[in-house]
Amino acid sequence: MAISARHQLLSDSWTTDVEHLEWAIGRFKADPNAANTCEVVFFEVEGDRHLHCNVTHRHATKTVTGWAGPGHVHDGFVHNRRFRDTPQKDMIRHIRDMVLAARV
């Protein structure tokens, strides 16, 4: 399983958090036998103070509590979540749970 992360931020308000989150995502221990690539994208929406996070898997996964989706996109199946006042360690846990969600 390959896991990648990137961001498309409109401001600097989430930059430090996103750098830490991307570093943590790079350390996730995925099952090497799981053939389900995963991309995590962080972004902001103009006029919205939340940090948005999309997790896209090539194959459908179980939905994790707190995440919207799945939506079917060109690259697979996407789940989305917003963060605002969530402690960073909890953000990492929520993202890890979605990244490593079991296939359906």
PDB file of N, CA and C in Angstrom:
ATOM      1  N   MET A   1       0.849  -1.184   0.000  1.00  0.00           N
ATOM      2  CA  MET A   1       0.000   0.000   0.000  1.00  0.00           C
ATOM      3  C   MET A   1       0.884   1.234   0.000  1.00  0.00           C
ATOM      4  N   ALA A   2       0.693   2.070  -0.968  1.00  0.00           N
ATOM      5  CA  ALA A   2       1.428   3.331  -1.031  1.00  0.00           C
ATOM      6  C   ALA A   2       0.546   4.439  -0.451  1.00  0.00           C
ATOM      7  N   ILE A   3       1.133   5.270   0.403  1.00  0.00           N
ATOM      8  CA  ILE A   3       0.424   6.389   1.020  1.00  0.00           C
ATOM      9  C   ILE A   3       1.166   7.672   0.661  1.00  0.00           C
ATOM     10  N   SER A   4       0.441   8.642   0.112  1.00  0.00           N
ATOM     11  CA  SER A   4       1.056   9.933  -0.191  1.00  0.00           C
ATOM     12  C   SER A   4       0.215  11.045   0.421  1.00  0.00           C
ATOM     13  N   ALA A   5       0.845  12.194   0.609  1.00  0.00           N
ATOM     14  CA  ALA A   5       0.141  13.355   1.171  1.00  0.00           C
ATOM     15  C   ALA A   5       0.612  14.608   0.459  1.00  0.00           C
ATOM     16  N   ARG A   6      -0.317  15.531   0.275  1.00  0.00           N
ATOM     17  CA  ARG A   6       0.012  16.822  -0.313  1.00  0.00           C
ATOM     18  C   ARG A   6      -0.980  17.846   0.204  1.00  0.00           C
ATOM     19  N   HIS A   7      -0.732  19.113  -0.109  1.00  0.00           N
ATOM     20  CA  HIS A   7      -1.637  20.154   0.352  1.00  0.00           C
ATOM     21  C   HIS A   7      -1.811  21.242  -0.693  1.00  0.00           C
ATOM     22  N   GLN A   8      -2.936  21.939  -0.563  1.00  0.00           N
ATOM     23  CA  GLN A   8      -3.278  23.082  -1.409  1.00  0.00           C
ATOM     24  C   GLN A   8      -3.884  24.142  -0.487  1.00  0.00           C
ATOM     25  N   LEU A   9      -3.038  24.845   0.216  1.00  0.00           N
ATOM     26  CA  LEU A   9      -3.503  25.818   1.200  1.00  0.00           C
ATOM     27  C   LEU A   9      -3.626  27.209   0.586  1.00  0.00           C
ATOM     28  N   LEU A  10      -4.610  27.968   1.031  1.00  0.00           N
ATOM     29  CA  LEU A  10      -4.829  29.333   0.547  1.00  0.00           C
ATOM     30  C   LEU A  10      -4.130  30.368   1.419  1.00  0.00           C
ATOM     31  N   SER A  11      -3.764  29.974   2.648  1.00  0.00           N
ATOM     32  CA  SER A  11      -3.153  30.908   3.591  1.00  0.00           C
ATOM     33  C   SER A  11      -2.057  30.180   4.364  1.00  0.00           C
ATOM     34  N   ASP A  12      -1.442  30.890   5.295  1.00  0.00           N
ATOM     35  CA  ASP A  12      -0.418  30.277   6.144  1.00  0.00           C
ATOM     36  C   ASP A  12      -0.971  29.794   7.478  1.00  0.00           C
ATOM     37  N   SER A  13      -2.272  29.928   7.702  1.00  0.00           N
ATOM     38  CA  SER A  13      -2.830  29.636   9.021  1.00  0.00           C
ATOM     39  C   SER A  13      -2.720  28.162   9.416  1.00  0.00           C
ATOM     40  N   TRP A  14      -2.685  27.259   8.453  1.00  0.00           N
ATOM     41  CA  TRP A  14      -2.594  25.826   8.751  1.00  0.00           C
ATOM     42  C   TRP A  14      -1.246  25.228   8.356  1.00  0.00           C
ATOM     43  N   THR A  15      -0.312  26.028   7.877  1.00  0.00           N
ATOM     44  CA  THR A  15       0.941  25.504   7.329  1.00  0.00           C
ATOM     45  C   THR A  15       1.707  24.635   8.315  1.00  0.00           C
ATOM     46  N   THR A  16       1.920  25.100   9.520  1.00  0.00           N
ATOM     47  CA  THR A  16       2.691  24.335  10.496  1.00  0.00           C
ATOM     48  C   THR A  16       1.992  23.030  10.844  1.00  0.00           C
ATOM     49  N   ASP A  17       0.683  23.093  11.057  1.00  0.00           N
ATOM     50  CA  ASP A  17      -0.071  21.868  11.351  1.00  0.00           C
ATOM     51  C   ASP A  17       0.041  20.864  10.212  1.00  0.00           C
ATOM     52  N   VAL A  18      -0.133  21.331   8.989  1.00  0.00           N
ATOM     53  CA  VAL A  18      -0.094  20.441   7.832  1.00  0.00           C
ATOM     54  C   VAL A  18       1.291  19.822   7.664  1.00  0.00           C
ATOM     55  N   GLU A  19       2.335  20.586   7.908  1.00  0.00           N
ATOM     56  CA  GLU A  19       3.691  20.016   7.823  1.00  0.00           C
ATOM     57  C   GLU A  19       3.854  18.871   8.818  1.00  0.00           C
ATOM     58  N   HIS A  20       3.349  19.044  10.033  1.00  0.00           N
ATOM     59  CA  HIS A  20       3.426  17.980  11.030  1.00  0.00           C
ATOM     60  C   HIS A  20       2.558  16.790  10.642  1.00  0.00           C
ATOM     61  N   LEU A  21       1.371  17.053  10.121  1.00  0.00           N
ATOM     62  CA  LEU A  21       0.479  15.978   9.700  1.00  0.00           C
ATOM     63  C   LEU A  21       1.082  15.176   8.553  1.00  0.00           C
ATOM     64  N   GLU A  22       1.661  15.862   7.577  1.00  0.00           N
ATOM     65  CA  GLU A  22       2.277  15.156   6.446  1.00  0.00           C
ATOM     66  C   GLU A  22       3.462  14.312   6.921  1.00  0.00           C
ATOM     67  N   TRP A  23       4.228  14.822   7.871  1.00  0.00           N
ATOM     68  CA  TRP A  23       5.343  14.055   8.423  1.00  0.00           C
ATOM     69  C   TRP A  23       4.814  12.796   9.102  1.00  0.00           C
ATOM     70  N   ALA A  24       3.751  12.933   9.897  1.00  0.00           N
ATOM     71  CA  ALA A  24       3.168  11.781  10.594  1.00  0.00           C
ATOM     72  C   ALA A  24       2.612  10.765   9.603  1.00  0.00           C
ATOM     73  N   ILE A  25       1.956  11.233   8.551  1.00  0.00           N
ATOM     74  CA  ILE A  25       1.400  10.330   7.536  1.00  0.00           C
ATOM     75  C   ILE A  25       2.518   9.521   6.891  1.00  0.00           C
ATOM     76  N   GLY A  26       3.659  10.129   6.669  1.00  0.00           N
ATOM     77  CA  GLY A  26       4.800   9.428   6.091  1.00  0.00           C
ATOM     78  C   GLY A  26       5.324   8.316   6.979  1.00  0.00           C
ATOM     79  N   ARG A  27       4.940   8.302   8.237  1.00  0.00           N
ATOM     80  CA  ARG A  27       5.387   7.283   9.187  1.00  0.00           C
ATOM     81  C   ARG A  27       4.320   6.214   9.457  1.00  0.00           C
ATOM     82  N   PHE A  28       3.135   6.341   8.836  1.00  0.00           N
ATOM     83  CA  PHE A  28       2.098   5.323   9.025  1.00  0.00           C
ATOM     84  C   PHE A  28       2.612   3.980   8.534  1.00  0.00           C
ATOM     85  N   LYS A  29       2.306   2.935   9.261  1.00  0.00           N
ATOM     86  CA  LYS A  29       2.710   1.574   8.907  1.00  0.00           C
ATOM     87  C   LYS A  29       1.540   0.885   8.212  1.00  0.00           C
ATOM     88  N   ALA A  30       1.603   0.833   6.906  1.00  0.00           N
ATOM     89  CA  ALA A  30       0.545   0.199   6.126  1.00  0.00           C
ATOM     90  C   ALA A  30       0.899  -1.255   5.869  1.00  0.00           C
ATOM     91  N   ASP A  31      -0.112  -2.062   5.647  1.00  0.00           N
ATOM     92  CA  ASP A  31       0.088  -3.465   5.295  1.00  0.00           C
ATOM     93  C   ASP A  31       0.672  -3.516   3.886  1.00  0.00           C
ATOM     94  N   PRO A  32       1.902  -4.024   3.734  1.00  0.00           N
ATOM     95  CA  PRO A  32       2.522  -4.051   2.408  1.00  0.00           C
ATOM     96  C   PRO A  32       1.788  -4.947   1.418  1.00  0.00           C
ATOM     97  N   ASN A  33       0.923  -5.835   1.909  1.00  0.00           N
ATOM     98  CA  ASN A  33       0.171  -6.729   1.029  1.00  0.00           C
ATOM     99  C   ASN A  33      -1.175  -6.146   0.609  1.00  0.00           C
ATOM    100  N   ALA A  34      -1.533  -4.998   1.165  1.00  0.00           N
ATOM    101  CA  ALA A  34      -2.805  -4.365   0.831  1.00  0.00           C
ATOM    102  C   ALA A  34      -2.632  -3.546  -0.447  1.00  0.00           C
ATOM    103  N   ALA A  35      -3.260  -3.979  -1.496  1.00  0.00           N
ATOM    104  CA  ALA A  35      -3.141  -3.294  -2.785  1.00  0.00           C
ATOM    105  C   ALA A  35      -4.213  -2.209  -2.892  1.00  0.00           C
ATOM    106  N   ASN A  36      -4.058  -1.156  -2.095  1.00  0.00           N
ATOM    107  CA  ASN A  36      -5.037  -0.075  -2.096  1.00  0.00           C
ATOM    108  C   ASN A  36      -4.319   1.245  -1.855  1.00  0.00           C
ATOM    109  N   THR A  37      -3.828   1.855  -2.912  1.00  0.00           N
ATOM    110  CA  THR A  37      -3.100   3.113  -2.759  1.00  0.00           C
ATOM    111  C   THR A  37      -3.989   4.160  -2.103  1.00  0.00           C
ATOM    112  N   CYS A  38      -3.351   5.117  -1.442  1.00  0.00           N
ATOM    113  CA  CYS A  38      -4.085   6.118  -0.681  1.00  0.00           C
ATOM    114  C   CYS A  38      -3.396   7.471  -0.827  1.00  0.00           C
ATOM    115  N   GLU A  39      -4.191   8.509  -1.081  1.00  0.00           N
ATOM    116  CA  GLU A  39      -3.668   9.871  -1.137  1.00  0.00           C
ATOM    117  C   GLU A  39      -4.444  10.732  -0.150  1.00  0.00           C
ATOM    118  N   VAL A  40      -3.709  11.494   0.655  1.00  0.00           N
ATOM    119  CA  VAL A  40      -4.297  12.424   1.608  1.00  0.00           C
ATOM    120  C   VAL A  40      -4.021  13.833   1.085  1.00  0.00           C
ATOM    121  N   VAL A  41      -5.066  14.647   1.005  1.00  0.00           N
ATOM    122  CA  VAL A  41      -4.921  16.021   0.528  1.00  0.00           C
ATOM    123  C   VAL A  41      -5.529  16.961   1.566  1.00  0.00           C
ATOM    124  N   PHE A  42      -4.739  17.952   1.971  1.00  0.00           N
ATOM    125  CA  PHE A  42      -5.203  18.989   2.880  1.00  0.00           C
ATOM    126  C   PHE A  42      -5.470  20.245   2.068  1.00  0.00           C
ATOM    127  N   PHE A  43      -6.578  20.929   2.386  1.00  0.00           N
ATOM    128  CA  PHE A  43      -6.884  22.152   1.650  1.00  0.00           C
ATOM    129  C   PHE A  43      -7.774  23.065   2.482  1.00  0.00           C
ATOM    130  N   GLU A  44      -7.832  24.302   2.062  1.00  0.00           N
ATOM    131  CA  GLU A  44      -8.711  25.291   2.666  1.00  0.00           C
ATOM    132  C   GLU A  44      -9.748  25.717   1.634  1.00  0.00           C
ATOM    133  N   VAL A  45     -10.881  26.188   2.141  1.00  0.00           N
ATOM    134  CA  VAL A  45     -11.941  26.731   1.300  1.00  0.00           C
ATOM    135  C   VAL A  45     -12.095  28.199   1.685  1.00  0.00           C
ATOM    136  N   GLU A  46     -12.113  29.065   0.702  1.00  0.00           N
ATOM    137  CA  GLU A  46     -12.218  30.504   0.974  1.00  0.00           C
ATOM    138  C   GLU A  46     -13.447  30.797   1.825  1.00  0.00           C
ATOM    139  N   GLY A  47     -13.246  31.604   2.873  1.00  0.00           N
ATOM    140  CA  GLY A  47     -14.331  31.980   3.763  1.00  0.00           C
ATOM    141  C   GLY A  47     -14.645  30.956   4.845  1.00  0.00           C
ATOM    142  N   ASP A  48     -13.897  29.871   4.899  1.00  0.00           N
ATOM    143  CA  ASP A  48     -14.111  28.791   5.865  1.00  0.00           C
ATOM    144  C   ASP A  48     -12.816  28.604   6.641  1.00  0.00           C
ATOM    145  N   ARG A  49     -12.852  28.662   7.950  1.00  0.00           N
ATOM    146  CA  ARG A  49     -11.632  28.602   8.757  1.00  0.00           C
ATOM    147  C   ARG A  49     -11.174  27.186   9.071  1.00  0.00           C
ATOM    148  N   HIS A  50     -11.876  26.183   8.558  1.00  0.00           N
ATOM    149  CA  HIS A  50     -11.524  24.790   8.814  1.00  0.00           C
ATOM    150  C   HIS A  50     -10.387  24.325   7.903  1.00  0.00           C
ATOM    151  N   LEU A  51      -9.670  23.320   8.364  1.00  0.00           N
ATOM    152  CA  LEU A  51      -8.749  22.581   7.515  1.00  0.00           C
ATOM    153  C   LEU A  51      -9.530  21.387   6.990  1.00  0.00           C
ATOM    154  N   HIS A  52      -9.579  21.253   5.685  1.00  0.00           N
ATOM    155  CA  HIS A  52     -10.290  20.149   5.055  1.00  0.00           C
ATOM    156  C   HIS A  52      -9.285  19.063   4.708  1.00  0.00           C
ATOM    157  N   CYS A  53      -9.730  17.824   4.809  1.00  0.00           N
ATOM    158  CA  CYS A  53      -8.857  16.690   4.513  1.00  0.00           C
ATOM    159  C   CYS A  53      -9.630  15.669   3.686  1.00  0.00           C
ATOM    160  N   ASN A  54      -9.107  15.354   2.506  1.00  0.00           N
ATOM    161  CA  ASN A  54      -9.645  14.277   1.677  1.00  0.00           C
ATOM    162  C   ASN A  54      -8.703  13.088   1.768  1.00  0.00           C
ATOM    163  N   VAL A  55      -9.272  11.916   1.928  1.00  0.00           N
ATOM    164  CA  VAL A  55      -8.505  10.671   1.870  1.00  0.00           C
ATOM    165  C   VAL A  55      -9.105   9.859   0.732  1.00  0.00           C
ATOM    166  N   THR A  56      -8.296   9.624  -0.298  1.00  0.00           N
ATOM    167  CA  THR A  56      -8.762   8.904  -1.483  1.00  0.00           C
ATOM    168  C   THR A  56      -8.044   7.561  -1.579  1.00  0.00           C
ATOM    169  N   HIS A  57      -8.828   6.491  -1.658  1.00  0.00           N
ATOM    170  CA  HIS A  57      -8.300   5.132  -1.852  1.00  0.00           C
ATOM    171  C   HIS A  57      -8.669   4.662  -3.260  1.00  0.00           C
ATOM    172  N   ARG A  58      -7.829   3.840  -3.834  1.00  0.00           N
ATOM    173  CA  ARG A  58      -8.131   3.276  -5.152  1.00  0.00           C
ATOM    174  C   ARG A  58      -9.363   2.378  -5.070  1.00  0.00           C
ATOM    175  N   HIS A  59      -9.465   1.587  -3.989  1.00  0.00           N
ATOM    176  CA  HIS A  59     -10.590   0.667  -3.803  1.00  0.00           C
ATOM    177  C   HIS A  59     -11.433   1.139  -2.623  1.00  0.00           C
ATOM    178  N   ALA A  60     -12.707   0.808  -2.634  1.00  0.00           N
ATOM    179  CA  ALA A  60     -13.623   1.216  -1.568  1.00  0.00           C
ATOM    180  C   ALA A  60     -13.170   0.665  -0.216  1.00  0.00           C
ATOM    181  N   THR A  61     -13.361   1.482   0.817  1.00  0.00           N
ATOM    182  CA  THR A  61     -13.043   1.084   2.185  1.00  0.00           C
ATOM    183  C   THR A  61     -14.271   1.286   3.062  1.00  0.00           C
ATOM    184  N   LYS A  62     -14.195   0.715   4.250  1.00  0.00           N
ATOM    185  CA  LYS A  62     -15.243   0.963   5.225  1.00  0.00           C
ATOM    186  C   LYS A  62     -15.181   2.438   5.629  1.00  0.00           C
ATOM    187  N   THR A  63     -16.329   3.011   5.924  1.00  0.00           N
ATOM    188  CA  THR A  63     -16.376   4.390   6.377  1.00  0.00           C
ATOM    189  C   THR A  63     -16.029   4.433   7.859  1.00  0.00           C
ATOM    190  N   VAL A  64     -15.232   5.396   8.243  1.00  0.00           N
ATOM    191  CA  VAL A  64     -14.816   5.583   9.622  1.00  0.00           C
ATOM    192  C   VAL A  64     -15.658   6.705  10.217  1.00  0.00           C
ATOM    193  N   THR A  65     -16.069   6.545  11.468  1.00  0.00           N
ATOM    194  CA  THR A  65     -16.882   7.548  12.151  1.00  0.00           C
ATOM    195  C   THR A  65     -16.233   8.931  12.060  1.00  0.00           C
ATOM    196  N   GLY A  66     -17.056   9.924  11.709  1.00  0.00           N
ATOM    197  CA  GLY A  66     -16.587  11.303  11.610  1.00  0.00           C
ATOM    198  C   GLY A  66     -16.198  11.724  10.205  1.00  0.00           C
ATOM    199  N   TRP A  67     -16.151  10.784   9.283  1.00  0.00           N
ATOM    200  CA  TRP A  67     -15.773  11.073   7.902  1.00  0.00           C
ATOM    201  C   TRP A  67     -17.005  11.003   7.005  1.00  0.00           C
ATOM    202  N   ALA A  68     -17.115  11.932   6.061  1.00  0.00           N
ATOM    203  CA  ALA A  68     -18.188  11.910   5.067  1.00  0.00           C
ATOM    204  C   ALA A  68     -17.727  11.077   3.881  1.00  0.00           C
ATOM    205  N   GLY A  69     -18.652  10.438   3.232  1.00  0.00           N
ATOM    206  CA  GLY A  69     -18.313   9.661   2.050  1.00  0.00           C
ATOM    207  C   GLY A  69     -18.723   8.218   2.222  1.00  0.00           C
ATOM    208  N   PRO A  70     -18.381   7.422   1.268  1.00  0.00           N
ATOM    209  CA  PRO A  70     -17.447   7.727   0.187  1.00  0.00           C
ATOM    210  C   PRO A  70     -18.130   8.374  -1.006  1.00  0.00           C
ATOM    211  N   GLY A  71     -17.329   9.161  -1.687  1.00  0.00           N
ATOM    212  CA  GLY A  71     -17.720   9.694  -2.974  1.00  0.00           C
ATOM    213  C   GLY A  71     -16.873   9.012  -4.029  1.00  0.00           C
ATOM    214  N   HIS A  72     -17.449   8.744  -5.183  1.00  0.00           N
ATOM    215  CA  HIS A  72     -16.703   8.104  -6.267  1.00  0.00           C
ATOM    216  C   HIS A  72     -16.064   9.201  -7.114  1.00  0.00           C
ATOM    217  N   VAL A  73     -14.742   9.143  -7.240  1.00  0.00           N
ATOM    218  CA  VAL A  73     -13.984  10.092  -8.044  1.00  0.00           C
ATOM    219  C   VAL A  73     -13.144   9.317  -9.050  1.00  0.00           C
ATOM    220  N   HIS A  74     -12.540  10.038  -9.971  1.00  0.00           N
ATOM    221  CA  HIS A  74     -11.744   9.416 -11.036  1.00  0.00           C
ATOM    222  C   HIS A  74     -10.693   8.447 -10.497  1.00  0.00           C
ATOM    223  N   ASP A  75     -10.038   8.812  -9.394  1.00  0.00           N
ATOM    224  CA  ASP A  75      -8.951   7.994  -8.848  1.00  0.00           C
ATOM    225  C   ASP A  75      -9.408   6.931  -7.863  1.00  0.00           C
ATOM    226  N   GLY A  76     -10.706   6.861  -7.565  1.00  0.00           N
ATOM    227  CA  GLY A  76     -11.178   5.850  -6.628  1.00  0.00           C
ATOM    228  C   GLY A  76     -12.330   6.336  -5.781  1.00  0.00           C
ATOM    229  N   PHE A  77     -12.137   6.257  -4.463  1.00  0.00           N
ATOM    230  CA  PHE A  77     -13.192   6.577  -3.509  1.00  0.00           C
ATOM    231  C   PHE A  77     -12.647   7.545  -2.466  1.00  0.00           C
ATOM    232  N   VAL A  78     -13.360   8.648  -2.254  1.00  0.00           N
ATOM    233  CA  VAL A  78     -12.865   9.706  -1.361  1.00  0.00           C
ATOM    234  C   VAL A  78     -13.767   9.860  -0.143  1.00  0.00           C
ATOM    235  N   HIS A  79     -13.129  10.083   1.003  1.00  0.00           N
ATOM    236  CA  HIS A  79     -13.802  10.454   2.241  1.00  0.00           C
ATOM    237  C   HIS A  79     -13.253  11.820   2.645  1.00  0.00           C
ATOM    238  N   ASN A  80     -14.087  12.622   3.311  1.00  0.00           N
ATOM    239  CA  ASN A  80     -13.697  13.982   3.673  1.00  0.00           C
ATOM    240  C   ASN A  80     -14.027  14.258   5.125  1.00  0.00           C
ATOM    241  N   ARG A  81     -13.192  15.104   5.717  1.00  0.00           N
ATOM    242  CA  ARG A  81     -13.399  15.535   7.102  1.00  0.00           C
ATOM    243  C   ARG A  81     -12.846  16.949   7.248  1.00  0.00           C
ATOM    244  N   ARG A  82     -13.422  17.718   8.183  1.00  0.00           N
ATOM    245  CA  ARG A  82     -12.929  19.060   8.489  1.00  0.00           C
ATOM    246  C   ARG A  82     -12.394  19.080   9.909  1.00  0.00           C
ATOM    247  N   PHE A  83     -11.352  19.896  10.110  1.00  0.00           N
ATOM    248  CA  PHE A  83     -10.772  20.087  11.436  1.00  0.00           C
ATOM    249  C   PHE A  83     -10.723  21.581  11.721  1.00  0.00           C
ATOM    250  N   ARG A  84     -10.897  21.936  12.998  1.00  0.00           N
ATOM    251  CA  ARG A  84     -10.737  23.347  13.372  1.00  0.00           C
ATOM    252  C   ARG A  84     -10.015  23.469  14.710  1.00  0.00           C
ATOM    253  N   ASP A  85     -10.622  22.991  15.768  1.00  0.00           N
ATOM    254  CA  ASP A  85     -10.034  23.111  17.105  1.00  0.00           C
ATOM    255  C   ASP A  85      -9.569  21.754  17.630  1.00  0.00           C
ATOM    256  N   THR A  86      -9.375  20.816  16.764  1.00  0.00           N
ATOM    257  CA  THR A  86      -8.971  19.467  17.149  1.00  0.00           C
ATOM    258  C   THR A  86      -7.483  19.446  17.465  1.00  0.00           C
ATOM    259  N   PRO A  87      -7.096  18.889  18.611  1.00  0.00           N
ATOM    260  CA  PRO A  87      -5.663  18.763  18.901  1.00  0.00           C
ATOM    261  C   PRO A  87      -4.957  17.949  17.811  1.00  0.00           C
ATOM    262  N   GLN A  88      -3.723  18.302  17.530  1.00  0.00           N
ATOM    263  CA  GLN A  88      -2.988  17.674  16.448  1.00  0.00           C
ATOM    264  C   GLN A  88      -2.891  16.150  16.593  1.00  0.00           C
ATOM    265  N   LYS A  89      -2.670  15.661  17.809  1.00  0.00           N
ATOM    266  CA  LYS A  89      -2.567  14.208  18.007  1.00  0.00           C
ATOM    267  C   LYS A  89      -3.882  13.517  17.649  1.00  0.00           C
ATOM    268  N   ASP A  90      -5.010  14.174  17.900  1.00  0.00           N
ATOM    269  CA  ASP A  90      -6.301  13.603  17.525  1.00  0.00           C
ATOM    270  C   ASP A  90      -6.511  13.662  16.016  1.00  0.00           C
ATOM    271  N   MET A  91      -6.038  14.741  15.388  1.00  0.00           N
ATOM    272  CA  MET A  91      -6.129  14.832  13.930  1.00  0.00           C
ATOM    273  C   MET A  91      -5.365  13.673  13.292  1.00  0.00           C
ATOM    274  N   ILE A  92      -4.163  13.417  13.793  1.00  0.00           N
ATOM    275  CA  ILE A  92      -3.350  12.320  13.260  1.00  0.00           C
ATOM    276  C   ILE A  92      -4.077  10.992  13.436  1.00  0.00           C
ATOM    277  N   ARG A  93      -4.672  10.773  14.597  1.00  0.00           N
ATOM    278  CA  ARG A  93      -5.389   9.518  14.856  1.00  0.00           C
ATOM    279  C   ARG A  93      -6.566   9.360  13.896  1.00  0.00           C
ATOM    280  N   HIS A  94      -7.354  10.430  13.718  1.00  0.00           N
ATOM    281  CA  HIS A  94      -8.502  10.363  12.814  1.00  0.00           C
ATOM    282  C   HIS A  94      -8.055  10.063  11.379  1.00  0.00           C
ATOM    283  N   ILE A  95      -7.001  10.715  10.945  1.00  0.00           N
ATOM    284  CA  ILE A  95      -6.497  10.502   9.579  1.00  0.00           C
ATOM    285  C   ILE A  95      -5.951   9.086   9.435  1.00  0.00           C
ATOM    286  N   ARG A  96      -5.179   8.625  10.416  1.00  0.00           N
ATOM    287  CA  ARG A  96      -4.648   7.263  10.366  1.00  0.00           C
ATOM    288  C   ARG A  96      -5.771   6.235  10.279  1.00  0.00           C
ATOM    289  N   ASP A  97      -6.822   6.415  11.069  1.00  0.00           N
ATOM    290  CA  ASP A  97      -7.947   5.482  11.031  1.00  0.00           C
ATOM    291  C   ASP A  97      -8.567   5.406   9.639  1.00  0.00           C
ATOM    292  N   MET A  98      -8.664   6.550   8.950  1.00  0.00           N
ATOM    293  CA  MET A  98      -9.250   6.548   7.600  1.00  0.00           C
ATOM    294  C   MET A  98      -8.268   6.008   6.577  1.00  0.00           C
ATOM    295  N   VAL A  99      -7.004   6.393   6.676  1.00  0.00           N
ATOM    296  CA  VAL A  99      -5.987   5.909   5.724  1.00  0.00           C
ATOM    297  C   VAL A  99      -5.885   4.384   5.785  1.00  0.00           C
ATOM    298  N   LEU A 100      -5.931   3.831   6.979  1.00  0.00           N
ATOM    299  CA  LEU A 100      -5.747   2.387   7.157  1.00  0.00           C
ATOM    300  C   LEU A 100      -7.067   1.627   7.239  1.00  0.00           C
ATOM    301  N   ALA A 101      -8.172   2.258   6.839  1.00  0.00           N
ATOM    302  CA  ALA A 101      -9.485   1.596   6.876  1.00  0.00           C
ATOM    303  C   ALA A 101      -9.473   0.349   5.995  1.00  0.00           C
ATOM    304  N   ALA A 102     -10.178  -0.653   6.454  1.00  0.00           N
ATOM    305  CA  ALA A 102     -10.249  -1.929   5.729  1.00  0.00           C
ATOM    306  C   ALA A 102     -11.047  -1.794   4.439  1.00  0.00           C
ATOM    307  N   ARG A 103     -10.621  -2.538   3.454  1.00  0.00           N
ATOM    308  CA  ARG A 103     -11.383  -2.597   2.188  1.00  0.00           C
ATOM    309  C   ARG A 103     -12.701  -3.297   2.408  1.00  0.00           C
ATOM    310  N   VAL A 104     -13.684  -2.915   1.584  1.00  0.00           N
ATOM    311  CA  VAL A 104     -14.987  -3.590   1.646  1.00  0.00           C
ATOM    312  C   VAL A 104     -15.094  -4.592   0.529  1.00  0.00           C
TER     313      VAL A 104
END
